[in-house]
Amino acid sequence: MALILGTEYCKMDSSGRFKLPNALKKQLETTDCRFVVRHGFTNECLELWTYDSFQNEVARLRKELNPYRIQDQQILRQLTRANIIEMDNSDRLMIPPERKSLLGDAKELVLQSTGECIEIWERNAYDKMNNEIIDLASIVDNRLGAKHELSSTSDAE
C-alpha cells in the first residue's frame, strides 16, 4: 500500500461530489476507480480508502479479532460499516447520502492524509480540531518519547 501524504482543500457540490486533487490521486498505487468511505473511528470526519487498502485493513482486523467474542464482532461490524464509491471520468467522488450527513451542508472540504487513508473533513470542523491540539510537543513526548527511551535502555543492557 502506498504512503499517502498531504493536506488538500477542495469544494463539494450540492450533490455531494468533490474532485480528488491530483496531488493525492498521483500517490495512489491503483488504477481501480473504486474507493471505500466510512465514518472516522475517533474523529468527526470520513475516511477515504482505496478499495485494495480497505480489503487489507479488513483482513488485518479479521486476523486480530476473535469472531466468537461479542466485543470483537461489534468492533468488526463498526469498522466495516462502509460504502463503495467510484471515481467518475472527471476524477470526482460522490459521498453517499448516509455518509454526507456527517459533513452537513459543507461546501469546503479538507482532505488530510493519515498515511493509510485520507480523512475528509468539513473545513470548519477541521480548523476547530487543529485549534484544539494545544501542546503537540508534549503529546509526542508522552506517546513516543517514552517508547524511544525504553528501547534505548533495553539496547544499552
Protein backbone atom coordinates (compact mmCIF):
# COMPACT_ATOMS: atom_id res chain seq x y z
CA MET A 1 0.00 0.00 0.00
CA ALA A 2 1.23 3.48 -0.86
CA LEU A 3 2.06 6.02 1.79
CA ILE A 4 -0.31 8.92 1.18
CA LEU A 5 0.90 12.36 2.28
CA GLY A 6 -0.58 15.83 2.15
CA THR A 7 -3.40 18.17 3.01
CA GLU A 8 -5.60 19.44 0.19
CA TYR A 9 -8.59 21.76 0.08
CA CYS A 10 -11.47 21.30 -2.32
CA LYS A 11 -15.11 22.18 -2.92
CA MET A 12 -18.09 19.87 -2.61
CA ASP A 13 -21.17 20.49 -4.75
CA SER A 14 -24.78 20.16 -3.58
CA SER A 15 -24.88 16.55 -4.82
CA GLY A 16 -22.02 15.59 -2.51
CA ARG A 17 -19.40 15.35 -5.25
CA PHE A 18 -15.85 16.59 -4.99
CA LYS A 19 -12.81 16.29 -7.22
CA LEU A 20 -9.94 14.25 -5.83
CA PRO A 21 -6.94 16.61 -6.02
CA ASN A 22 -4.13 15.48 -8.33
CA ALA A 23 -1.56 15.76 -5.53
CA LEU A 24 -3.35 12.94 -3.69
CA LYS A 25 -4.50 10.99 -6.75
CA LYS A 26 -0.94 10.63 -8.06
CA GLN A 27 0.11 8.92 -4.83
CA LEU A 28 -2.43 6.13 -5.09
CA GLU A 29 -0.95 2.87 -6.32
CA THR A 30 -4.07 1.81 -8.17
CA THR A 31 -5.87 2.20 -11.45
CA ASP A 32 -9.01 0.84 -9.77
CA CYS A 33 -11.64 3.58 -9.61
CA ARG A 34 -13.30 2.03 -6.55
CA PHE A 35 -12.89 3.57 -3.13
CA VAL A 36 -14.37 2.89 0.28
CA VAL A 37 -15.73 5.61 2.54
CA ARG A 38 -16.61 5.16 6.22
CA HIS A 39 -17.11 7.32 9.29
CA GLY A 40 -13.89 8.15 11.07
CA PHE A 41 -13.30 5.99 14.11
CA THR A 42 -12.21 8.73 16.51
CA ASN A 43 -12.93 11.98 14.67
CA GLU A 44 -15.86 13.80 13.14
CA CYS A 45 -14.68 13.08 9.64
CA LEU A 46 -14.99 10.49 6.92
CA GLU A 47 -12.19 8.18 5.86
CA LEU A 48 -11.48 7.51 2.19
CA TRP A 49 -9.61 4.30 1.40
CA THR A 50 -8.63 2.74 -1.90
CA TYR A 51 -10.62 -0.44 -2.39
CA ASP A 52 -7.49 -2.60 -2.10
CA SER A 53 -6.19 -0.89 1.04
CA PHE A 54 -9.58 -1.30 2.72
CA GLN A 55 -9.55 -5.01 1.85
CA ASN A 56 -6.14 -5.22 3.54
CA GLU A 57 -7.48 -3.35 6.58
CA VAL A 58 -10.39 -5.79 6.91
CA ALA A 59 -8.03 -8.77 6.57
CA ARG A 60 -5.84 -7.29 9.33
CA LEU A 61 -8.88 -6.79 11.57
CA ARG A 62 -10.07 -10.36 10.98
CA LYS A 63 -6.62 -11.65 11.91
CA GLU A 64 -6.57 -9.63 15.16
CA LEU A 65 -10.18 -10.15 16.26
CA ASN A 66 -11.91 -13.28 17.51
CA PRO A 67 -15.22 -13.74 15.62
CA TYR A 68 -16.67 -15.60 18.63
CA ARG A 69 -16.28 -12.67 21.04
CA ILE A 70 -19.19 -10.24 21.11
CA GLN A 71 -16.95 -7.18 21.55
CA ASP A 72 -14.78 -8.24 18.63
CA GLN A 73 -17.89 -8.75 16.48
CA GLN A 74 -19.03 -5.24 17.37
CA ILE A 75 -15.62 -3.77 16.51
CA LEU A 76 -15.55 -5.53 13.15
CA ARG A 77 -19.13 -4.50 12.39
CA GLN A 78 -18.45 -0.83 13.16
CA LEU A 79 -15.14 -0.65 11.33
CA THR A 80 -16.51 -2.32 8.20
CA ARG A 81 -19.70 -0.25 8.02
CA ALA A 82 -18.76 1.49 4.81
CA ASN A 83 -19.77 2.30 1.24
CA ILE A 84 -18.01 1.52 -2.00
CA ILE A 85 -17.90 4.56 -4.27
CA GLU A 86 -16.42 5.01 -7.73
CA MET A 87 -14.46 7.85 -9.25
CA ASP A 88 -16.02 9.22 -12.43
CA ASN A 89 -14.17 10.27 -15.61
CA SER A 90 -13.66 13.77 -14.16
CA ASP A 91 -11.87 12.40 -11.04
CA ARG A 92 -14.91 13.18 -8.90
CA LEU A 93 -16.16 11.10 -5.99
CA MET A 94 -19.68 11.27 -4.60
CA ILE A 95 -20.25 10.94 -0.88
CA PRO A 96 -23.28 8.68 -0.25
CA PRO A 97 -26.19 10.48 1.44
CA GLU A 98 -25.90 8.45 4.67
CA ARG A 99 -22.24 9.48 4.96
CA LYS A 100 -22.77 13.06 3.78
CA SER A 101 -24.83 13.83 6.89
CA LEU A 102 -21.58 13.98 8.90
CA LEU A 103 -20.36 16.81 6.65
CA GLY A 104 -23.67 18.69 6.78
CA ASP A 105 -24.12 21.33 4.10
CA ALA A 106 -20.38 21.74 3.71
CA LYS A 107 -19.12 23.47 0.61
CA GLU A 108 -15.44 23.41 1.55
CA LEU A 109 -13.64 20.19 2.41
CA VAL A 110 -10.20 19.43 3.73
CA LEU A 111 -8.61 16.16 2.63
CA GLN A 112 -5.99 15.20 5.21
CA SER A 113 -3.85 12.12 4.68
CA THR A 114 -3.07 9.82 7.57
CA GLY A 115 -0.59 7.69 5.65
CA GLU A 116 -3.06 4.83 5.08
CA CYS A 117 -6.21 6.68 4.17
CA ILE A 118 -7.48 10.19 3.53
CA GLU A 119 -9.68 11.91 6.09
CA ILE A 120 -12.47 14.06 4.66
CA TRP A 121 -13.29 16.99 6.92
CA GLU A 122 -15.77 19.82 6.72
CA ARG A 123 -13.48 22.88 6.72
CA ASN A 124 -14.74 24.47 9.96
CA ALA A 125 -14.60 21.14 11.85
CA TYR A 126 -11.03 20.61 10.61
CA ASP A 127 -9.96 24.07 11.74
CA LYS A 128 -11.61 23.54 15.15
CA MET A 129 -9.88 20.16 15.58
CA ASN A 130 -6.50 21.68 14.73
CA ASN A 131 -7.03 24.54 17.17
CA GLU A 132 -7.81 22.06 19.98
CA ILE A 133 -4.35 20.48 19.76
CA ILE A 134 -2.73 22.68 22.36
CA ASP A 135 0.65 21.16 23.05
CA LEU A 136 1.62 18.69 20.34
CA ALA A 137 5.20 18.54 21.61
CA SER A 138 4.05 17.22 24.99
CA ILE A 139 1.70 14.71 23.37
CA VAL A 140 4.50 13.40 21.14
CA ASP A 141 6.91 13.25 24.08
CA ASN A 142 4.39 11.33 26.22
CA ARG A 143 3.48 8.84 23.49
CA LEU A 144 6.70 8.42 21.52
CA GLY A 145 9.45 9.78 23.75
CA ALA A 146 8.87 7.19 26.47
CA LYS A 147 8.80 4.42 23.86
CA HIS A 148 12.14 5.60 22.49
CA GLU A 149 13.66 5.80 25.99
CA LEU A 150 12.57 2.23 26.76
CA SER A 151 14.09 0.82 23.58
CA SER A 152 17.30 2.81 24.16
CA THR A 153 17.53 1.46 27.72
CA SER A 154 16.96 -2.10 26.50
CA ASP A 155 19.62 -1.67 23.80
CA ALA A 156 22.16 -0.43 26.37
CA GLU A 157 21.78 -3.52 28.60
